[in-house]
Amino acid sequence: MQQLDIFTDSRDVALRDDVVEHLQRRDVAAARTALKQLQDEYANDSALPVIAQLVHELGKGTAHSLANHSDLKVARTHIELRATLIKFTISRLLK
């Protein structure tokens, strides 16, 4: 019986964790790089669509200016909702 090598046999997990770590740090460039590596090495990974969407959402940012406090409040609420969705999704991926 062959023994499971945690480093060799868990590369997909390590690559997913890399993307998640960069998402948590809100480092879009590093998250994209880690996602690309995961896609290249594990194109059929079932978590890829969700992780790719999270990286995409994080990278969106905001393209409009904030003219007043009302605009700022709306933008803040939107960002908080996106952050909550990302945290929830990450917690599900890590289970």
C-alpha atoms as a PDB file:
ATOM      1  CA  MET A   1       0.000   0.000   0.000  1.00  0.00           C
ATOM      2  CA  GLN A   2       1.379   3.400  -0.996  1.00  0.00           C
ATOM      3  CA  GLN A   3       1.484   6.043   1.714  1.00  0.00           C
ATOM      4  CA  LEU A   4      -0.152   9.380   0.995  1.00  0.00           C
ATOM      5  CA  ASP A   5       2.389  12.183   0.640  1.00  0.00           C
ATOM      6  CA  ILE A   6       0.756  15.274   2.081  1.00  0.00           C
ATOM      7  CA  PHE A   7       2.936  17.611   0.001  1.00  0.00           C
ATOM      8  CA  THR A   8       2.668  15.837  -3.335  1.00  0.00           C
ATOM      9  CA  ASP A   9      -0.947  14.719  -3.017  1.00  0.00           C
ATOM     10  CA  SER A  10      -2.276  18.029  -1.693  1.00  0.00           C
ATOM     11  CA  ARG A  11      -0.907  20.479  -4.242  1.00  0.00           C
ATOM     12  CA  ASP A  12      -4.407  21.494  -5.323  1.00  0.00           C
ATOM     13  CA  VAL A  13      -5.306  22.351  -1.736  1.00  0.00           C
ATOM     14  CA  ALA A  14      -2.130  24.400  -1.342  1.00  0.00           C
ATOM     15  CA  LEU A  15      -2.858  26.319  -4.543  1.00  0.00           C
ATOM     16  CA  ARG A  16      -6.444  27.030  -3.459  1.00  0.00           C
ATOM     17  CA  ASP A  17      -5.156  28.213  -0.094  1.00  0.00           C
ATOM     18  CA  ASP A  18      -2.746  30.576  -1.866  1.00  0.00           C
ATOM     19  CA  VAL A  19      -5.610  32.224  -3.744  1.00  0.00           C
ATOM     20  CA  VAL A  20      -7.710  32.451  -0.579  1.00  0.00           C
ATOM     21  CA  GLU A  21      -4.842  33.997   1.375  1.00  0.00           C
ATOM     22  CA  HIS A  22      -4.416  36.725  -1.259  1.00  0.00           C
ATOM     23  CA  LEU A  23      -8.164  37.321  -1.338  1.00  0.00           C
ATOM     24  CA  GLN A  24      -8.214  37.784   2.418  1.00  0.00           C
ATOM     25  CA  ARG A  25      -5.381  40.304   2.119  1.00  0.00           C
ATOM     26  CA  ARG A  26      -7.266  41.985  -0.744  1.00  0.00           C
ATOM     27  CA  ASP A  27      -4.191  41.634  -2.969  1.00  0.00           C
ATOM     28  CA  VAL A  28      -5.831  41.419  -6.392  1.00  0.00           C
ATOM     29  CA  ALA A  29      -2.637  41.024  -8.416  1.00  0.00           C
ATOM     30  CA  ALA A  30      -1.330  38.175  -6.256  1.00  0.00           C
ATOM     31  CA  ALA A  31      -4.778  36.529  -6.202  1.00  0.00           C
ATOM     32  CA  ARG A  32      -4.899  36.621 -10.007  1.00  0.00           C
ATOM     33  CA  THR A  33      -1.425  35.103 -10.248  1.00  0.00           C
ATOM     34  CA  ALA A  34      -2.298  32.326  -7.786  1.00  0.00           C
ATOM     35  CA  LEU A  35      -5.603  31.704  -9.572  1.00  0.00           C
ATOM     36  CA  LYS A  36      -3.790  31.397 -12.911  1.00  0.00           C
ATOM     37  CA  GLN A  37      -1.440  28.817 -11.423  1.00  0.00           C
ATOM     38  CA  LEU A  38      -4.381  26.856  -9.995  1.00  0.00           C
ATOM     39  CA  GLN A  39      -6.162  26.987 -13.368  1.00  0.00           C
ATOM     40  CA  ASP A  40      -3.035  25.877 -15.215  1.00  0.00           C
ATOM     41  CA  GLU A  41      -2.366  22.927 -12.937  1.00  0.00           C
ATOM     42  CA  TYR A  42      -5.931  21.891 -12.020  1.00  0.00           C
ATOM     43  CA  ALA A  43      -8.211  23.066 -14.823  1.00  0.00           C
ATOM     44  CA  ASN A  44     -11.025  20.779 -13.625  1.00  0.00           C
ATOM     45  CA  ASP A  45     -10.943  21.821  -9.969  1.00  0.00           C
ATOM     46  CA  SER A  46     -14.535  22.154  -8.779  1.00  0.00           C
ATOM     47  CA  ALA A  47     -13.740  25.290  -6.746  1.00  0.00           C
ATOM     48  CA  LEU A  48     -12.367  27.229  -9.739  1.00  0.00           C
ATOM     49  CA  PRO A  49     -15.617  28.936 -10.819  1.00  0.00           C
ATOM     50  CA  VAL A  50     -16.274  30.294  -7.333  1.00  0.00           C
ATOM     51  CA  ILE A  51     -12.687  31.332  -6.703  1.00  0.00           C
ATOM     52  CA  ALA A  52     -12.467  32.996 -10.118  1.00  0.00           C
ATOM     53  CA  GLN A  53     -15.652  34.940  -9.386  1.00  0.00           C
ATOM     54  CA  LEU A  54     -14.259  36.099  -6.037  1.00  0.00           C
ATOM     55  CA  VAL A  55     -11.031  37.293  -7.666  1.00  0.00           C
ATOM     56  CA  HIS A  56     -13.077  39.053 -10.349  1.00  0.00           C
ATOM     57  CA  GLU A  57     -15.284  40.771  -7.763  1.00  0.00           C
ATOM     58  CA  LEU A  58     -12.318  41.877  -5.699  1.00  0.00           C
ATOM     59  CA  GLY A  59     -10.689  43.313  -8.802  1.00  0.00           C
ATOM     60  CA  LYS A  60     -13.710  45.362  -9.831  1.00  0.00           C
ATOM     61  CA  GLY A  61     -13.092  48.222  -7.455  1.00  0.00           C
ATOM     62  CA  THR A  62     -15.104  51.322  -8.144  1.00  0.00           C
ATOM     63  CA  ALA A  63     -15.061  53.353 -11.322  1.00  0.00           C
ATOM     64  CA  HIS A  64     -17.199  56.242 -10.141  1.00  0.00           C
ATOM     65  CA  SER A  65     -16.326  59.174  -7.946  1.00  0.00           C
ATOM     66  CA  LEU A  66     -17.979  59.794  -4.622  1.00  0.00           C
ATOM     67  CA  ALA A  67     -19.556  63.253  -4.701  1.00  0.00           C
ATOM     68  CA  ASN A  68     -21.146  63.301  -1.253  1.00  0.00           C
ATOM     69  CA  HIS A  69     -21.751  61.388   1.956  1.00  0.00           C
ATOM     70  CA  SER A  70     -24.735  59.572   0.494  1.00  0.00           C
ATOM     71  CA  ASP A  71     -22.605  58.190  -2.360  1.00  0.00           C
ATOM     72  CA  LEU A  72     -19.967  57.156   0.155  1.00  0.00           C
ATOM     73  CA  LYS A  73     -22.559  55.342   2.276  1.00  0.00           C
ATOM     74  CA  VAL A  74     -23.877  53.428  -0.736  1.00  0.00           C
ATOM     75  CA  ALA A  75     -20.354  52.487  -1.827  1.00  0.00           C
ATOM     76  CA  ARG A  76     -19.441  51.386   1.684  1.00  0.00           C
ATOM     77  CA  THR A  77     -22.546  49.205   1.965  1.00  0.00           C
ATOM     78  CA  HIS A  78     -21.759  47.631  -1.406  1.00  0.00           C
ATOM     79  CA  ILE A  79     -18.165  46.906  -0.367  1.00  0.00           C
ATOM     80  CA  GLU A  80     -19.264  45.456   2.973  1.00  0.00           C
ATOM     81  CA  LEU A  81     -21.735  43.148   1.220  1.00  0.00           C
ATOM     82  CA  ARG A  82     -19.056  41.993  -1.231  1.00  0.00           C
ATOM     83  CA  ALA A  83     -16.620  41.410   1.643  1.00  0.00           C
ATOM     84  CA  THR A  84     -19.239  39.386   3.528  1.00  0.00           C
ATOM     85  CA  LEU A  85     -19.904  37.255   0.446  1.00  0.00           C
ATOM     86  CA  ILE A  86     -16.182  36.675  -0.042  1.00  0.00           C
ATOM     87  CA  LYS A  87     -15.669  35.718   3.628  1.00  0.00           C
ATOM     88  CA  PHE A  88     -18.630  33.343   3.542  1.00  0.00           C
ATOM     89  CA  THR A  89     -17.470  31.701   0.336  1.00  0.00           C
ATOM     90  CA  ILE A  90     -13.905  31.373   1.590  1.00  0.00           C
ATOM     91  CA  SER A  91     -15.096  29.742   4.806  1.00  0.00           C
ATOM     92  CA  ARG A  92     -17.048  27.192   2.737  1.00  0.00           C
ATOM     93  CA  LEU A  93     -14.044  26.502   0.500  1.00  0.00           C
ATOM     94  CA  LEU A  94     -11.802  25.866   3.480  1.00  0.00           C
ATOM     95  CA  LYS A  95     -14.112  23.230   4.978  1.00  0.00           C
END
